[in-house]
Amino acid sequence: MTGQLTVVVNGEQRRFSAPATLQTLLTELTLDPRTVVVEHERRIVRRVDLAGTAVAEGDHVEIVHFVGGG
């Protein structure tokens, strides 16, 4: 079954296609998983686990971008 779900991303409610994983959220947000760190429900998720981590209605996700500089 497909539909929509609401997820809180960096403190803001966002709508995504359901069912969803952390990988599909990053894809919909056009973010490269190699350049971010993802926290799901207060747990850091390893990059290799993004595609296998399901996201449910009302979950909280924090995404932090790597920034380079000198």
PDB file of N, CA and C in Angstrom:
ATOM      1  N   MET A   1       0.841  -1.184   0.000  1.00  0.00           N
ATOM      2  CA  MET A   1       0.000   0.000   0.000  1.00  0.00           C
ATOM      3  C   MET A   1       0.887   1.248   0.000  1.00  0.00           C
ATOM      4  N   THR A   2       0.574   2.190  -0.843  1.00  0.00           N
ATOM      5  CA  THR A   2       1.338   3.429  -0.898  1.00  0.00           C
ATOM      6  C   THR A   2       0.455   4.586  -0.476  1.00  0.00           C
ATOM      7  N   GLY A   3       1.090   5.624  -0.015  1.00  0.00           N
ATOM      8  CA  GLY A   3       0.367   6.809   0.418  1.00  0.00           C
ATOM      9  C   GLY A   3       1.356   7.875   0.822  1.00  0.00           C
ATOM     10  N   GLN A   4       1.007   8.627   1.834  1.00  0.00           N
ATOM     11  CA  GLN A   4       1.843   9.701   2.337  1.00  0.00           C
ATOM     12  C   GLN A   4       2.042   9.520   3.836  1.00  0.00           C
ATOM     13  N   LEU A   5       3.169  10.009   4.323  1.00  0.00           N
ATOM     14  CA  LEU A   5       3.391  10.026   5.761  1.00  0.00           C
ATOM     15  C   LEU A   5       4.082  11.326   6.128  1.00  0.00           C
ATOM     16  N   THR A   6       3.868  11.751   7.368  1.00  0.00           N
ATOM     17  CA  THR A   6       4.477  12.973   7.865  1.00  0.00           C
ATOM     18  C   THR A   6       5.627  12.600   8.783  1.00  0.00           C
ATOM     19  N   VAL A   7       6.796  13.193   8.514  1.00  0.00           N
ATOM     20  CA  VAL A   7       8.007  12.956   9.294  1.00  0.00           C
ATOM     21  C   VAL A   7       8.548  14.325   9.700  1.00  0.00           C
ATOM     22  N   VAL A   8       9.057  14.433  10.918  1.00  0.00           N
ATOM     23  CA  VAL A   8       9.666  15.681  11.374  1.00  0.00           C
ATOM     24  C   VAL A   8      11.150  15.625  11.006  1.00  0.00           C
ATOM     25  N   VAL A   9      11.560  16.494  10.081  1.00  0.00           N
ATOM     26  CA  VAL A   9      12.944  16.536   9.613  1.00  0.00           C
ATOM     27  C   VAL A   9      13.552  17.860  10.066  1.00  0.00           C
ATOM     28  N   ASN A  10      14.578  17.760  10.902  1.00  0.00           N
ATOM     29  CA  ASN A  10      15.243  18.947  11.443  1.00  0.00           C
ATOM     30  C   ASN A  10      14.231  19.937  12.031  1.00  0.00           C
ATOM     31  N   GLY A  11      13.260  19.390  12.767  1.00  0.00           N
ATOM     32  CA  GLY A  11      12.274  20.209  13.462  1.00  0.00           C
ATOM     33  C   GLY A  11      11.102  20.681  12.633  1.00  0.00           C
ATOM     34  N   GLU A  12      11.049  20.321  11.353  1.00  0.00           N
ATOM     35  CA  GLU A  12       9.984  20.765  10.457  1.00  0.00           C
ATOM     36  C   GLU A  12       9.203  19.566   9.930  1.00  0.00           C
ATOM     37  N   GLN A  13       7.871  19.632  10.005  1.00  0.00           N
ATOM     38  CA  GLN A  13       7.057  18.543   9.469  1.00  0.00           C
ATOM     39  C   GLN A  13       7.138  18.542   7.950  1.00  0.00           C
ATOM     40  N   ARG A  14       7.408  17.357   7.396  1.00  0.00           N
ATOM     41  CA  ARG A  14       7.522  17.187   5.942  1.00  0.00           C
ATOM     42  C   ARG A  14       6.704  15.970   5.534  1.00  0.00           C
ATOM     43  N   ARG A  15       6.141  15.999   4.328  1.00  0.00           N
ATOM     44  CA  ARG A  15       5.368  14.879   3.782  1.00  0.00           C
ATOM     45  C   ARG A  15       6.241  14.111   2.802  1.00  0.00           C
ATOM     46  N   PHE A  16       6.157  12.778   2.897  1.00  0.00           N
ATOM     47  CA  PHE A  16       6.919  11.896   2.016  1.00  0.00           C
ATOM     48  C   PHE A  16       6.015  10.782   1.515  1.00  0.00           C
ATOM     49  N   SER A  17       6.433  10.167   0.417  1.00  0.00           N
ATOM     50  CA  SER A  17       5.731   8.994  -0.093  1.00  0.00           C
ATOM     51  C   SER A  17       5.946   7.836   0.865  1.00  0.00           C
ATOM     52  N   ALA A  18       4.907   7.047   1.070  1.00  0.00           N
ATOM     53  CA  ALA A  18       4.991   5.875   1.942  1.00  0.00           C
ATOM     54  C   ALA A  18       4.761   4.631   1.094  1.00  0.00           C
ATOM     55  N   PRO A  19       5.387   3.525   1.460  1.00  0.00           N
ATOM     56  CA  PRO A  19       6.318   3.346   2.580  1.00  0.00           C
ATOM     57  C   PRO A  19       7.656   4.030   2.291  1.00  0.00           C
ATOM     58  N   ALA A  20       8.402   4.319   3.361  1.00  0.00           N
ATOM     59  CA  ALA A  20       9.660   5.051   3.192  1.00  0.00           C
ATOM     60  C   ALA A  20      10.756   4.468   4.069  1.00  0.00           C
ATOM     61  N   THR A  21      11.975   4.635   3.602  1.00  0.00           N
ATOM     62  CA  THR A  21      13.166   4.337   4.394  1.00  0.00           C
ATOM     63  C   THR A  21      13.954   5.636   4.502  1.00  0.00           C
ATOM     64  N   LEU A  22      14.990   5.633   5.319  1.00  0.00           N
ATOM     65  CA  LEU A  22      15.829   6.819   5.404  1.00  0.00           C
ATOM     66  C   LEU A  22      16.464   7.129   4.051  1.00  0.00           C
ATOM     67  N   GLN A  23      16.817   6.095   3.307  1.00  0.00           N
ATOM     68  CA  GLN A  23      17.394   6.303   1.971  1.00  0.00           C
ATOM     69  C   GLN A  23      16.403   7.001   1.056  1.00  0.00           C
ATOM     70  N   THR A  24      15.135   6.591   1.071  1.00  0.00           N
ATOM     71  CA  THR A  24      14.155   7.231   0.187  1.00  0.00           C
ATOM     72  C   THR A  24      13.891   8.672   0.619  1.00  0.00           C
ATOM     73  N   LEU A  25      13.943   8.971   1.914  1.00  0.00           N
ATOM     74  CA  LEU A  25      13.816  10.356   2.372  1.00  0.00           C
ATOM     75  C   LEU A  25      14.945  11.204   1.809  1.00  0.00           C
ATOM     76  N   LEU A  26      16.181  10.702   1.908  1.00  0.00           N
ATOM     77  CA  LEU A  26      17.319  11.448   1.378  1.00  0.00           C
ATOM     78  C   LEU A  26      17.171  11.669  -0.127  1.00  0.00           C
ATOM     79  N   THR A  27      16.685  10.656  -0.832  1.00  0.00           N
ATOM     80  CA  THR A  27      16.482  10.777  -2.275  1.00  0.00           C
ATOM     81  C   THR A  27      15.447  11.856  -2.577  1.00  0.00           C
ATOM     82  N   GLU A  28      14.326  11.848  -1.859  1.00  0.00           N
ATOM     83  CA  GLU A  28      13.282  12.855  -2.082  1.00  0.00           C
ATOM     84  C   GLU A  28      13.772  14.258  -1.729  1.00  0.00           C
ATOM     85  N   LEU A  29      14.702  14.355  -0.785  1.00  0.00           N
ATOM     86  CA  LEU A  29      15.269  15.648  -0.394  1.00  0.00           C
ATOM     87  C   LEU A  29      16.477  16.028  -1.260  1.00  0.00           C
ATOM     88  N   THR A  30      16.797  15.184  -2.232  1.00  0.00           N
ATOM     89  CA  THR A  30      17.957  15.338  -3.127  1.00  0.00           C
ATOM     90  C   THR A  30      19.255  15.545  -2.351  1.00  0.00           C
ATOM     91  N   LEU A  31      19.448  14.711  -1.333  1.00  0.00           N
ATOM     92  CA  LEU A  31      20.665  14.748  -0.521  1.00  0.00           C
ATOM     93  C   LEU A  31      21.506  13.505  -0.786  1.00  0.00           C
ATOM     94  N   ASP A  32      22.794  13.701  -0.901  1.00  0.00           N
ATOM     95  CA  ASP A  32      23.734  12.605  -1.111  1.00  0.00           C
ATOM     96  C   ASP A  32      24.075  11.998   0.251  1.00  0.00           C
ATOM     97  N   PRO A  33      23.794  10.717   0.468  1.00  0.00           N
ATOM     98  CA  PRO A  33      24.074  10.095   1.765  1.00  0.00           C
ATOM     99  C   PRO A  33      25.545  10.126   2.165  1.00  0.00           C
ATOM    100  N   ARG A  34      26.429  10.341   1.197  1.00  0.00           N
ATOM    101  CA  ARG A  34      27.858  10.416   1.520  1.00  0.00           C
ATOM    102  C   ARG A  34      28.235  11.734   2.168  1.00  0.00           C
ATOM    103  N   THR A  35      27.330  12.737   2.109  1.00  0.00           N
ATOM    104  CA  THR A  35      27.663  14.061   2.626  1.00  0.00           C
ATOM    105  C   THR A  35      26.837  14.465   3.845  1.00  0.00           C
ATOM    106  N   VAL A  36      26.100  13.510   4.421  1.00  0.00           N
ATOM    107  CA  VAL A  36      25.270  13.821   5.587  1.00  0.00           C
ATOM    108  C   VAL A  36      25.417  12.753   6.663  1.00  0.00           C
ATOM    109  N   VAL A  37      25.034  13.135   7.865  1.00  0.00           N
ATOM    110  CA  VAL A  37      24.869  12.194   8.969  1.00  0.00           C
ATOM    111  C   VAL A  37      23.390  12.213   9.312  1.00  0.00           C
ATOM    112  N   VAL A  38      22.805  11.030   9.500  1.00  0.00           N
ATOM    113  CA  VAL A  38      21.374  10.935   9.759  1.00  0.00           C
ATOM    114  C   VAL A  38      21.133  10.356  11.151  1.00  0.00           C
ATOM    115  N   GLU A  39      20.299  11.062  11.907  1.00  0.00           N
ATOM    116  CA  GLU A  39      19.863  10.579  13.216  1.00  0.00           C
ATOM    117  C   GLU A  39      18.372  10.286  13.106  1.00  0.00           C
ATOM    118  N   HIS A  40      17.981   9.080  13.467  1.00  0.00           N
ATOM    119  CA  HIS A  40      16.583   8.650  13.394  1.00  0.00           C
ATOM    120  C   HIS A  40      16.132   8.260  14.785  1.00  0.00           C
ATOM    121  N   GLU A  41      15.142   8.984  15.298  1.00  0.00           N
ATOM    122  CA  GLU A  41      14.624   8.704  16.648  1.00  0.00           C
ATOM    123  C   GLU A  41      15.759   8.677  17.677  1.00  0.00           C
ATOM    124  N   ARG A  42      16.641   9.687  17.597  1.00  0.00           N
ATOM    125  CA  ARG A  42      17.755   9.886  18.537  1.00  0.00           C
ATOM    126  C   ARG A  42      18.861   8.832  18.443  1.00  0.00           C
ATOM    127  N   ARG A  43      18.947   8.174  17.292  1.00  0.00           N
ATOM    128  CA  ARG A  43      19.993   7.171  17.072  1.00  0.00           C
ATOM    129  C   ARG A  43      20.676   7.458  15.746  1.00  0.00           C
ATOM    130  N   ILE A  44      22.011   7.574  15.779  1.00  0.00           N
ATOM    131  CA  ILE A  44      22.773   7.770  14.544  1.00  0.00           C
ATOM    132  C   ILE A  44      22.673   6.494  13.708  1.00  0.00           C
ATOM    133  N   VAL A  45      22.365   6.654  12.436  1.00  0.00           N
ATOM    134  CA  VAL A  45      22.214   5.507  11.539  1.00  0.00           C
ATOM    135  C   VAL A  45      23.406   5.477  10.591  1.00  0.00           C
ATOM    136  N   ARG A  46      24.072   4.324  10.564  1.00  0.00           N
ATOM    137  CA  ARG A  46      25.214   4.146   9.648  1.00  0.00           C
ATOM    138  C   ARG A  46      24.728   4.191   8.209  1.00  0.00           C
ATOM    139  N   ARG A  47      25.568   4.697   7.346  1.00  0.00           N
ATOM    140  CA  ARG A  47      25.224   4.842   5.931  1.00  0.00           C
ATOM    141  C   ARG A  47      24.750   3.527   5.329  1.00  0.00           C
ATOM    142  N   VAL A  48      25.397   2.425   5.676  1.00  0.00           N
ATOM    143  CA  VAL A  48      25.024   1.123   5.108  1.00  0.00           C
ATOM    144  C   VAL A  48      23.639   0.665   5.566  1.00  0.00           C
ATOM    145  N   ASP A  49      23.106   1.277   6.614  1.00  0.00           N
ATOM    146  CA  ASP A  49      21.798   0.883   7.145  1.00  0.00           C
ATOM    147  C   ASP A  49      20.654   1.791   6.698  1.00  0.00           C
ATOM    148  N   LEU A  50      20.945   2.835   5.930  1.00  0.00           N
ATOM    149  CA  LEU A  50      19.904   3.792   5.539  1.00  0.00           C
ATOM    150  C   LEU A  50      18.776   3.136   4.746  1.00  0.00           C
ATOM    151  N   ALA A  51      19.119   2.290   3.784  1.00  0.00           N
ATOM    152  CA  ALA A  51      18.098   1.666   2.935  1.00  0.00           C
ATOM    153  C   ALA A  51      17.241   0.657   3.694  1.00  0.00           C
ATOM    154  N   GLY A  52      17.769   0.116   4.778  1.00  0.00           N
ATOM    155  CA  GLY A  52      17.026  -0.878   5.541  1.00  0.00           C
ATOM    156  C   GLY A  52      16.320  -0.336   6.772  1.00  0.00           C
ATOM    157  N   THR A  53      16.378   0.982   6.980  1.00  0.00           N
ATOM    158  CA  THR A  53      15.744   1.586   8.152  1.00  0.00           C
ATOM    159  C   THR A  53      14.434   2.233   7.742  1.00  0.00           C
ATOM    160  N   ALA A  54      13.327   1.605   8.151  1.00  0.00           N
ATOM    161  CA  ALA A  54      11.995   2.104   7.812  1.00  0.00           C
ATOM    162  C   ALA A  54      11.674   3.354   8.624  1.00  0.00           C
ATOM    163  N   VAL A  55      10.892   4.220   8.003  1.00  0.00           N
ATOM    164  CA  VAL A  55      10.434   5.447   8.648  1.00  0.00           C
ATOM    165  C   VAL A  55       8.920   5.356   8.795  1.00  0.00           C
ATOM    166  N   ALA A  56       8.419   5.698   9.979  1.00  0.00           N
ATOM    167  CA  ALA A  56       6.989   5.610  10.256  1.00  0.00           C
ATOM    168  C   ALA A  56       6.400   6.999  10.475  1.00  0.00           C
ATOM    169  N   GLU A  57       5.101   7.088  10.399  1.00  0.00           N
ATOM    170  CA  GLU A  57       4.374   8.329  10.644  1.00  0.00           C
ATOM    171  C   GLU A  57       4.816   8.956  11.967  1.00  0.00           C
ATOM    172  N   GLY A  58       5.188  10.241  11.910  1.00  0.00           N
ATOM    173  CA  GLY A  58       5.545  10.976  13.117  1.00  0.00           C
ATOM    174  C   GLY A  58       6.977  10.809  13.590  1.00  0.00           C
ATOM    175  N   ASP A  59       7.789   9.989  12.895  1.00  0.00           N
ATOM    176  CA  ASP A  59       9.191   9.816  13.294  1.00  0.00           C
ATOM    177  C   ASP A  59       9.932  11.146  13.219  1.00  0.00           C
ATOM    178  N   HIS A  60      11.004  11.232  14.003  1.00  0.00           N
ATOM    179  CA  HIS A  60      11.871  12.405  14.000  1.00  0.00           C
ATOM    180  C   HIS A  60      13.216  12.038  13.374  1.00  0.00           C
ATOM    181  N   VAL A  61      13.645  12.848  12.408  1.00  0.00           N
ATOM    182  CA  VAL A  61      14.903  12.630  11.707  1.00  0.00           C
ATOM    183  C   VAL A  61      15.684  13.944  11.730  1.00  0.00           C
ATOM    184  N   GLU A  62      16.944  13.850  12.094  1.00  0.00           N
ATOM    185  CA  GLU A  62      17.838  15.005  12.020  1.00  0.00           C
ATOM    186  C   GLU A  62      18.893  14.688  10.968  1.00  0.00           C
ATOM    187  N   ILE A  63      19.147  15.636  10.081  1.00  0.00           N
ATOM    188  CA  ILE A  63      20.129  15.457   9.016  1.00  0.00           C
ATOM    189  C   ILE A  63      21.145  16.593   9.136  1.00  0.00           C
ATOM    190  N   VAL A  64      22.412  16.204   9.258  1.00  0.00           N
ATOM    191  CA  VAL A  64      23.489  17.180   9.380  1.00  0.00           C
ATOM    192  C   VAL A  64      24.383  17.054   8.152  1.00  0.00           C
ATOM    193  N   HIS A  65      24.649  18.182   7.508  1.00  0.00           N
ATOM    194  CA  HIS A  65      25.496  18.229   6.314  1.00  0.00           C
ATOM    195  C   HIS A  65      26.945  18.433   6.711  1.00  0.00           C
ATOM    196  N   PHE A  66      27.849  17.774   5.995  1.00  0.00           N
ATOM    197  CA  PHE A  66      29.272  18.036   6.136  1.00  0.00           C
ATOM    198  C   PHE A  66      29.583  19.329   5.400  1.00  0.00           C
ATOM    199  N   VAL A  67      30.406  20.158   6.013  1.00  0.00           N
ATOM    200  CA  VAL A  67      30.815  21.413   5.393  1.00  0.00           C
ATOM    201  C   VAL A  67      32.325  21.462   5.388  1.00  0.00           C
ATOM    202  N   GLY A  68      32.891  21.704   4.225  1.00  0.00           N
ATOM    203  CA  GLY A  68      34.346  21.816   4.121  1.00  0.00           C
ATOM    204  C   GLY A  68      34.770  23.265   4.176  1.00  0.00           C
ATOM    205  N   GLY A  69      35.993  23.464   4.485  1.00  0.00           N
ATOM    206  CA  GLY A  69      36.481  24.837   4.524  1.00  0.00           C
ATOM    207  C   GLY A  69      37.897  24.892   5.027  1.00  0.00           C
ATOM    208  N   GLY A  70      38.413  26.082   5.106  1.00  0.00           N
ATOM    209  CA  GLY A  70      39.785  26.183   5.534  1.00  0.00           C
ATOM    210  C   GLY A  70      40.044  27.360   6.419  1.00  0.00           C
TER     211      GLY A  70
END
